[in-house]
Amino acid sequence: MSLKCGIIGITNVGKTAIFNCISKTKAEVTNFAFSTNKSNLGMIDVPDERLLNIDAIIKSARVVLTTVDIVDIPGLAKGSSHGEGVGNKFLADIQQTDAIIHVLRCFDDENLPHIEGSVDPVRDIEIVDLELQVRDLDLVQRKIQRMEKLAKSGDKEIKRQIGILEELAEHLENMKNVRDFEVDPKDKIAIIDDMYLLTAKPIMYVCNVDDDSATDGNNYSEVVKEALKNIETEVIVIAGELEAEIAELEDEADRKEFLGDAGLTEPGVNKMIRSAYSLLNLESFFTAGPKEVRAWTVKKGSTAPMAAGVIHSDLERGFIRAEVTKYDDFIKYGSEQACKEVGKFHIEGKNYIVKDGDMLNIRFNV
């Protein structure tokens, strides 16, 4: 499932350092603004302790995590939508993502100057939002121009759609995001979604704090939370430098000791990854056997045949039924057979909606 999360932010906020903590692909980190001319694409494992708990019972040959693609977009600046800094090429890169992780600088460092001269994460949100809004407004106005040519035929439906787009353009001109624009869901799909507007994408915020603020955040992160308290989003606190040091440790015992010393129970980026997974409207189901215990990714609301198709197209094409055991039941009773004996094993057909944590065995015939 090729869904991507894009990491964005003002230049020199620590985006790439966080990207390197979570991605199997490593990118160069510098202290200089506009020091790169390309976005970095990586793949991240989605941490899920449930797999280890299943494996503790089954003792499979291997455990396979599910993955999500992530894109590190070079730092933005005022005027990016007009070609300033690295130019608007990277706004086009954001357009190709499905959700956004906005990293905010919430730490002081004399050796890493802020491009705006001072640390102010709320101001940085406003700067980035404006650049994305300007880009979106341009795309909406272009579509209006194209549709006005079609409207000359007198088509009333085209004229109605133009009216909605003009309302959206006014919404953007008032420095508001597309995700907050009220529109009928059917019109959103028919008129707006094909533009892949930047401010329409679901978004979460990551406050990159100093090491001492890893557990509780700091004044900067508190200001961010206050500014976003009435917005439906998630704000996560991560100490980027600390996370980078943790990521370099190969020994699990060393990692746990390091985390304990920092007052953490797990790396902060793990929470960020899980939140990004949820932001993409994804959930996991599991398959388990002697060869492997594995997590698979589906969009929320997927049917059993659709989930089967994630494993292999033949399973969807020849789908007969899904044998379903809930994760909690499997852990509680200790085996599939024990779940059967207490009535916690279910046979489901083509209309079954897969739930997060379902353990599936697909029966098929091709």
Protein backbone atom coordinates (compact mmCIF):
# COMPACT_ATOMS: atom_id res chain seq x y z
CA MET A 1 0.00 0.00 0.00
CA SER A 2 1.89 3.04 -1.31
CA LEU A 3 0.66 5.73 1.09
CA LYS A 4 3.15 8.43 2.05
CA CYS A 5 3.55 10.78 4.99
CA GLY A 6 5.49 13.97 4.28
CA ILE A 7 7.71 15.60 6.93
CA ILE A 8 7.67 19.38 6.48
CA GLY A 9 8.77 22.49 8.36
CA ILE A 10 10.82 25.68 8.31
CA THR A 11 14.47 25.05 7.44
CA ASN A 12 16.77 24.04 10.35
CA VAL A 13 14.08 22.61 12.65
CA GLY A 14 15.52 19.07 12.83
CA LYS A 15 13.28 17.35 10.30
CA THR A 16 16.00 15.31 8.67
CA ALA A 17 17.43 14.16 12.01
CA ILE A 18 14.00 12.82 12.97
CA PHE A 19 13.63 11.26 9.50
CA ASN A 20 16.93 9.44 10.01
CA CYS A 21 15.73 8.08 13.38
CA ILE A 22 12.77 6.30 11.81
CA SER A 23 13.75 5.58 8.21
CA LYS A 24 15.76 2.69 6.81
CA THR A 25 17.20 5.28 4.40
CA LYS A 26 19.55 7.88 5.89
CA ALA A 27 19.80 11.48 4.68
CA GLU A 28 22.54 14.08 5.15
CA VAL A 29 22.05 16.49 8.05
CA THR A 30 23.58 20.01 7.89
CA ASN A 31 23.34 23.30 9.80
CA PHE A 32 22.87 25.30 6.60
CA ALA A 33 19.58 26.52 5.16
CA PHE A 34 18.66 25.33 1.65
CA SER A 35 21.60 22.88 1.63
CA THR A 36 19.74 20.18 -0.28
CA ASN A 37 17.95 20.13 -3.60
CA LYS A 38 15.88 16.96 -3.27
CA SER A 39 13.36 15.30 -1.01
CA ASN A 40 14.37 12.08 0.74
CA LEU A 41 12.13 9.02 0.46
CA GLY A 42 12.33 6.34 3.13
CA MET A 43 10.44 3.38 4.52
CA ILE A 44 9.59 3.01 8.19
CA ASP A 45 8.59 -0.01 10.25
CA VAL A 46 5.43 0.54 12.28
CA PRO A 47 6.21 -0.65 15.84
CA ASP A 48 3.54 -3.00 17.23
CA GLU A 49 4.09 -4.96 20.46
CA ARG A 50 1.11 -7.16 19.61
CA LEU A 51 3.26 -9.02 17.09
CA LEU A 52 5.79 -9.92 19.77
CA ASN A 53 3.01 -11.06 22.09
CA ILE A 54 1.58 -13.32 19.38
CA ASP A 55 5.04 -14.67 18.60
CA ALA A 56 5.65 -15.43 22.29
CA ILE A 57 2.79 -17.95 22.00
CA ILE A 58 3.36 -19.28 18.46
CA LYS A 59 7.18 -19.06 18.42
CA SER A 60 7.36 -18.41 14.71
CA ALA A 61 10.50 -18.36 12.59
CA ARG A 62 10.31 -14.58 12.12
CA VAL A 63 8.28 -11.47 12.93
CA VAL A 64 7.48 -9.01 10.11
CA LEU A 65 6.32 -5.48 10.86
CA THR A 66 4.16 -3.52 8.46
CA THR A 67 5.65 -0.42 6.82
CA VAL A 68 4.74 3.08 5.64
CA ASP A 69 6.59 5.32 3.18
CA ILE A 70 7.81 8.68 4.48
CA VAL A 71 9.17 11.70 2.60
CA ASP A 72 11.53 14.27 4.14
CA ILE A 73 10.74 17.53 2.33
CA PRO A 74 13.59 20.12 2.37
CA GLY A 75 13.01 23.10 4.65
CA LEU A 76 10.53 25.76 3.57
CA ALA A 77 10.77 29.53 4.01
CA LYS A 78 8.76 32.66 3.39
CA GLY A 79 8.11 32.95 -0.33
CA SER A 80 8.55 29.23 -1.12
CA SER A 81 5.31 29.37 -3.11
CA HIS A 82 6.95 32.05 -5.29
CA GLY A 83 10.27 30.24 -5.68
CA GLU A 84 12.15 31.54 -2.63
CA GLY A 85 14.71 29.32 -0.90
CA VAL A 86 14.59 25.93 -2.56
CA GLY A 87 11.66 27.12 -4.66
CA ASN A 88 8.20 25.66 -5.07
CA LYS A 89 9.38 22.30 -6.43
CA PHE A 90 9.07 20.89 -2.92
CA LEU A 91 5.51 22.13 -2.56
CA ALA A 92 4.80 19.81 -5.49
CA ASP A 93 6.50 17.01 -3.54
CA ILE A 94 4.16 17.66 -0.60
CA GLN A 95 1.26 17.44 -3.05
CA GLN A 96 2.14 13.79 -3.70
CA THR A 97 1.86 12.81 -0.03
CA ASP A 98 -1.29 11.59 1.74
CA ALA A 99 -0.71 13.19 5.15
CA ILE A 100 1.66 15.74 6.72
CA ILE A 101 3.92 15.70 9.77
CA HIS A 102 4.84 19.32 10.55
CA VAL A 103 8.02 19.50 12.65
CA LEU A 104 8.38 22.63 14.78
CA ARG A 105 11.58 23.95 16.32
CA CYS A 106 11.03 24.14 20.08
CA PHE A 107 14.64 24.41 21.26
CA ASP A 108 17.34 27.08 21.50
CA ASP A 109 20.78 26.56 19.93
CA GLU A 110 23.23 29.39 19.26
CA ASN A 111 25.11 27.17 16.79
CA LEU A 112 21.97 26.60 14.70
CA PRO A 113 20.53 30.00 13.76
CA HIS A 114 16.82 30.20 13.00
CA ILE A 115 16.15 31.57 9.53
CA GLU A 116 13.66 34.07 11.01
CA GLY A 117 16.11 35.24 13.67
CA SER A 118 14.30 33.79 16.70
CA VAL A 119 12.57 30.63 17.89
CA ASP A 120 8.79 31.00 17.61
CA PRO A 121 7.00 27.77 16.61
CA VAL A 122 3.54 29.37 16.31
CA ARG A 123 4.92 31.97 13.89
CA ASP A 124 6.54 29.09 11.95
CA ILE A 125 3.17 27.34 11.67
CA GLU A 126 1.68 30.53 10.22
CA ILE A 127 4.55 30.91 7.72
CA VAL A 128 4.26 27.36 6.42
CA ASP A 129 0.46 27.47 6.37
CA LEU A 130 0.57 30.66 4.29
CA GLU A 131 2.93 29.13 1.74
CA LEU A 132 0.71 26.06 1.39
CA GLN A 133 -2.42 28.23 1.17
CA VAL A 134 -0.90 30.37 -1.60
CA ARG A 135 -0.04 27.24 -3.56
CA ASP A 136 -3.58 25.88 -3.08
CA LEU A 137 -5.17 29.18 -4.10
CA ASP A 138 -3.20 29.13 -7.35
CA LEU A 139 -4.40 25.59 -8.11
CA VAL A 140 -8.03 26.48 -7.33
CA GLN A 141 -7.94 29.62 -9.47
CA ARG A 142 -6.48 27.67 -12.39
CA LYS A 143 -9.29 25.14 -12.16
CA ILE A 144 -11.87 27.93 -12.06
CA GLN A 145 -10.40 29.36 -15.26
CA ARG A 146 -10.57 25.99 -17.00
CA MET A 147 -14.14 25.40 -15.90
CA GLU A 148 -15.29 28.89 -16.95
CA LYS A 149 -14.50 27.94 -20.53
CA LEU A 150 -16.76 24.89 -20.18
CA ALA A 151 -19.48 26.99 -18.52
CA LYS A 152 -19.94 29.01 -21.70
CA SER A 153 -22.12 26.17 -22.97
CA GLY A 154 -24.66 27.06 -20.29
CA ASP A 155 -24.19 23.88 -18.22
CA LYS A 156 -25.83 24.63 -14.85
CA GLU A 157 -23.88 21.92 -13.00
CA ILE A 158 -20.57 23.38 -14.16
CA LYS A 159 -21.68 26.82 -12.97
CA ARG A 160 -22.65 25.35 -9.57
CA GLN A 161 -19.25 23.73 -9.22
CA ILE A 162 -17.52 27.01 -10.12
CA GLY A 163 -19.52 28.66 -7.33
CA ILE A 164 -18.15 26.14 -4.82
CA LEU A 165 -14.60 26.68 -6.07
CA GLU A 166 -15.00 30.45 -5.77
CA GLU A 167 -16.10 30.00 -2.15
CA LEU A 168 -13.04 27.83 -1.58
CA ALA A 169 -10.79 30.47 -3.15
CA GLU A 170 -12.22 33.10 -0.79
CA HIS A 171 -11.67 30.70 2.13
CA LEU A 172 -7.98 30.41 1.18
CA GLU A 173 -7.64 34.17 0.64
CA ASN A 174 -8.77 34.57 4.26
CA MET A 175 -5.72 32.45 5.29
CA LYS A 176 -7.76 29.36 6.14
CA ASN A 177 -6.93 25.76 5.29
CA VAL A 178 -8.91 23.56 2.91
CA ARG A 179 -9.35 20.88 5.60
CA ASP A 180 -11.53 23.41 7.48
CA PHE A 181 -13.71 24.25 4.45
CA GLU A 182 -17.29 23.06 4.90
CA VAL A 183 -18.57 21.31 1.80
CA ASP A 184 -20.82 18.38 0.95
CA PRO A 185 -18.67 15.19 0.95
CA LYS A 186 -19.91 14.31 -2.55
CA ASP A 187 -18.84 17.72 -3.87
CA LYS A 188 -15.50 17.37 -2.11
CA ILE A 189 -14.86 14.13 -3.99
CA ALA A 190 -16.17 15.40 -7.32
CA ILE A 191 -14.74 18.94 -7.34
CA ILE A 192 -11.88 19.33 -4.86
CA ASP A 193 -10.06 16.03 -4.29
CA ASP A 194 -8.59 15.82 -7.81
CA MET A 195 -6.45 18.92 -7.11
CA TYR A 196 -4.55 17.21 -4.24
CA LEU A 197 -4.53 20.46 -2.30
CA LEU A 198 -1.82 20.79 0.34
CA THR A 199 -3.92 22.21 3.17
CA ALA A 200 -6.60 19.56 2.62
CA LYS A 201 -4.27 16.82 3.88
CA PRO A 202 -4.58 15.53 7.45
CA ILE A 203 -1.80 16.95 9.62
CA MET A 204 -0.06 16.34 12.93
CA TYR A 205 2.56 18.48 14.68
CA VAL A 206 5.86 17.37 16.22
CA CYS A 207 7.53 19.70 18.72
CA ASN A 208 11.27 19.08 18.47
CA VAL A 209 12.54 19.95 21.96
CA ASP A 210 15.87 19.89 23.83
CA ASP A 211 16.98 16.71 25.65
CA ASP A 212 15.92 17.98 29.09
CA SER A 213 12.36 18.50 27.83
CA ALA A 214 11.95 15.01 26.32
CA THR A 215 9.37 13.82 28.84
CA ASP A 216 7.31 16.92 29.65
CA GLY A 217 8.02 19.38 26.85
CA ASN A 218 8.90 23.03 27.46
CA ASN A 219 7.46 26.54 27.16
CA TYR A 220 7.69 26.45 23.37
CA SER A 221 5.72 23.19 23.09
CA GLU A 222 3.12 24.43 25.57
CA VAL A 223 2.57 27.53 23.44
CA VAL A 224 2.04 25.28 20.41
CA LYS A 225 -0.51 23.14 22.25
CA GLU A 226 -2.37 26.26 23.36
CA ALA A 227 -2.42 27.68 19.83
CA LEU A 228 -3.79 24.43 18.39
CA LYS A 229 -6.18 23.50 21.21
CA ASN A 230 -9.30 24.17 19.11
CA ILE A 231 -8.01 22.36 16.03
CA GLU A 232 -8.59 18.66 15.42
CA THR A 233 -4.99 17.50 15.30
CA GLU A 234 -2.33 15.78 17.40
CA VAL A 235 0.72 17.43 18.97
CA ILE A 236 3.65 15.17 19.90
CA VAL A 237 6.82 16.13 21.80
CA ILE A 238 10.11 14.59 20.63
CA ALA A 239 13.72 15.39 21.56
CA GLY A 240 15.32 14.99 18.14
CA GLU A 241 18.97 14.92 19.21
CA LEU A 242 18.22 12.43 21.98
CA GLU A 243 16.26 10.22 19.57
CA ALA A 244 19.19 10.29 17.14
CA GLU A 245 21.53 9.02 19.87
CA ILE A 246 19.07 6.26 20.80
CA ALA A 247 18.73 5.22 17.15
CA GLU A 248 22.51 4.73 16.90
CA LEU A 249 22.53 2.13 19.70
CA GLU A 250 22.33 -1.39 18.30
CA ASP A 251 22.09 -3.27 21.59
CA GLU A 252 18.52 -3.44 22.95
CA ALA A 253 19.70 -3.42 26.56
CA ASP A 254 21.71 -0.24 25.93
CA ARG A 255 18.65 1.36 24.37
CA LYS A 256 16.47 0.51 27.36
CA GLU A 257 19.08 1.89 29.77
CA PHE A 258 19.41 5.07 27.72
CA LEU A 259 15.62 5.50 27.60
CA GLY A 260 15.35 4.92 31.34
CA ASP A 261 17.98 7.54 32.06
CA ALA A 262 16.01 10.00 29.93
CA GLY A 263 12.76 9.14 31.73
CA LEU A 264 11.22 7.49 28.65
CA THR A 265 9.59 4.07 28.30
CA GLU A 266 10.05 3.94 24.51
CA PRO A 267 11.56 6.15 21.79
CA GLY A 268 9.35 9.16 21.14
CA VAL A 269 9.51 8.50 17.41
CA ASN A 270 7.62 5.24 17.96
CA LYS A 271 4.59 7.21 19.08
CA MET A 272 5.04 9.52 16.12
CA ILE A 273 5.09 6.58 13.70
CA ARG A 274 1.93 5.08 15.18
CA SER A 275 0.21 8.46 15.03
CA ALA A 276 1.27 8.89 11.40
CA TYR A 277 -0.14 5.43 10.64
CA SER A 278 -3.45 6.46 12.19
CA LEU A 279 -3.31 9.83 10.38
CA LEU A 280 -3.24 7.92 7.10
CA ASN A 281 -6.45 6.17 8.19
CA LEU A 282 -4.70 2.81 8.32
CA GLU A 283 -5.03 -0.20 10.58
CA SER A 284 -3.32 -3.58 10.90
CA PHE A 285 -4.47 -7.16 10.74
CA PHE A 286 -2.27 -10.15 11.48
CA THR A 287 -1.44 -13.54 10.02
CA ALA A 288 0.34 -16.05 12.22
CA GLY A 289 1.91 -19.44 11.63
CA PRO A 290 5.14 -21.40 12.07
CA LYS A 291 6.92 -19.52 9.28
CA GLU A 292 6.08 -15.98 10.34
CA VAL A 293 3.94 -13.66 12.42
CA ARG A 294 3.14 -10.68 10.23
CA ALA A 295 1.27 -7.39 10.27
CA TRP A 296 -0.52 -6.21 7.13
CA THR A 297 -1.85 -2.74 6.32
CA VAL A 298 -5.39 -1.92 5.17
CA LYS A 299 -7.45 1.25 5.02
CA LYS A 300 -10.02 1.46 7.79
CA GLY A 301 -13.34 0.06 6.57
CA SER A 302 -11.77 -2.55 4.27
CA THR A 303 -13.65 -5.79 3.66
CA ALA A 304 -12.19 -9.26 4.21
CA PRO A 305 -11.58 -9.83 0.44
CA MET A 306 -9.76 -6.48 0.24
CA ALA A 307 -7.55 -7.53 3.16
CA ALA A 308 -6.94 -10.86 1.45
CA GLY A 309 -5.81 -8.97 -1.65
CA VAL A 310 -3.14 -7.16 0.38
CA ILE A 311 -1.56 -10.56 1.06
CA HIS A 312 -1.90 -11.77 -2.55
CA SER A 313 -4.21 -10.96 -5.45
CA ASP A 314 -5.12 -14.68 -5.80
CA LEU A 315 -6.56 -14.66 -2.27
CA GLU A 316 -8.91 -11.82 -3.14
CA ARG A 317 -9.86 -13.28 -6.52
CA GLY A 318 -10.66 -16.71 -5.09
CA PHE A 319 -11.89 -15.57 -1.65
CA ILE A 320 -14.24 -18.04 0.07
CA ARG A 321 -14.19 -16.98 3.71
CA ALA A 322 -12.08 -15.48 6.48
CA GLU A 323 -11.45 -17.29 9.75
CA VAL A 324 -11.20 -14.53 12.37
CA THR A 325 -9.74 -14.51 15.87
CA LYS A 326 -9.51 -11.26 17.82
CA TYR A 327 -6.03 -10.43 19.12
CA ASP A 328 -7.23 -9.92 22.71
CA ASP A 329 -9.01 -13.29 22.68
CA PHE A 330 -5.95 -15.06 21.26
CA ILE A 331 -3.71 -13.61 23.98
CA LYS A 332 -6.25 -14.38 26.71
CA TYR A 333 -6.90 -18.01 25.73
CA GLY A 334 -3.46 -18.83 24.33
CA SER A 335 -4.27 -20.56 21.04
CA GLU A 336 -6.68 -20.65 18.10
CA GLN A 337 -8.05 -24.00 19.29
CA ALA A 338 -8.77 -22.61 22.75
CA CYS A 339 -10.60 -19.67 21.14
CA LYS A 340 -12.72 -22.14 19.16
CA GLU A 341 -13.65 -24.01 22.31
CA VAL A 342 -15.01 -20.86 23.99
CA GLY A 343 -16.77 -19.50 20.89
CA LYS A 344 -14.22 -16.78 20.12
CA PHE A 345 -13.42 -18.04 16.62
CA HIS A 346 -15.59 -16.69 13.79
CA ILE A 347 -16.22 -17.53 10.14
CA GLU A 348 -16.84 -14.37 8.09
CA GLY A 349 -17.85 -13.76 4.47
CA LYS A 350 -17.22 -11.17 1.78
CA ASN A 351 -19.03 -8.35 3.57
CA TYR A 352 -17.05 -8.59 6.82
CA ILE A 353 -15.29 -5.32 7.73
CA VAL A 354 -11.80 -6.06 9.04
CA LYS A 355 -11.00 -4.57 12.46
CA ASP A 356 -7.64 -3.44 13.78
CA GLY A 357 -5.93 -6.40 15.46
CA ASP A 358 -7.91 -9.13 13.68
CA MET A 359 -5.97 -12.34 13.18
CA LEU A 360 -7.06 -13.72 9.81
CA ASN A 361 -6.77 -17.04 8.05
CA ILE A 362 -8.03 -16.70 4.47
CA ARG A 363 -9.66 -19.64 2.70
CA PHE A 364 -9.68 -19.33 -1.08
CA ASN A 365 -9.90 -21.29 -4.30
CA VAL A 366 -8.47 -20.22 -7.65
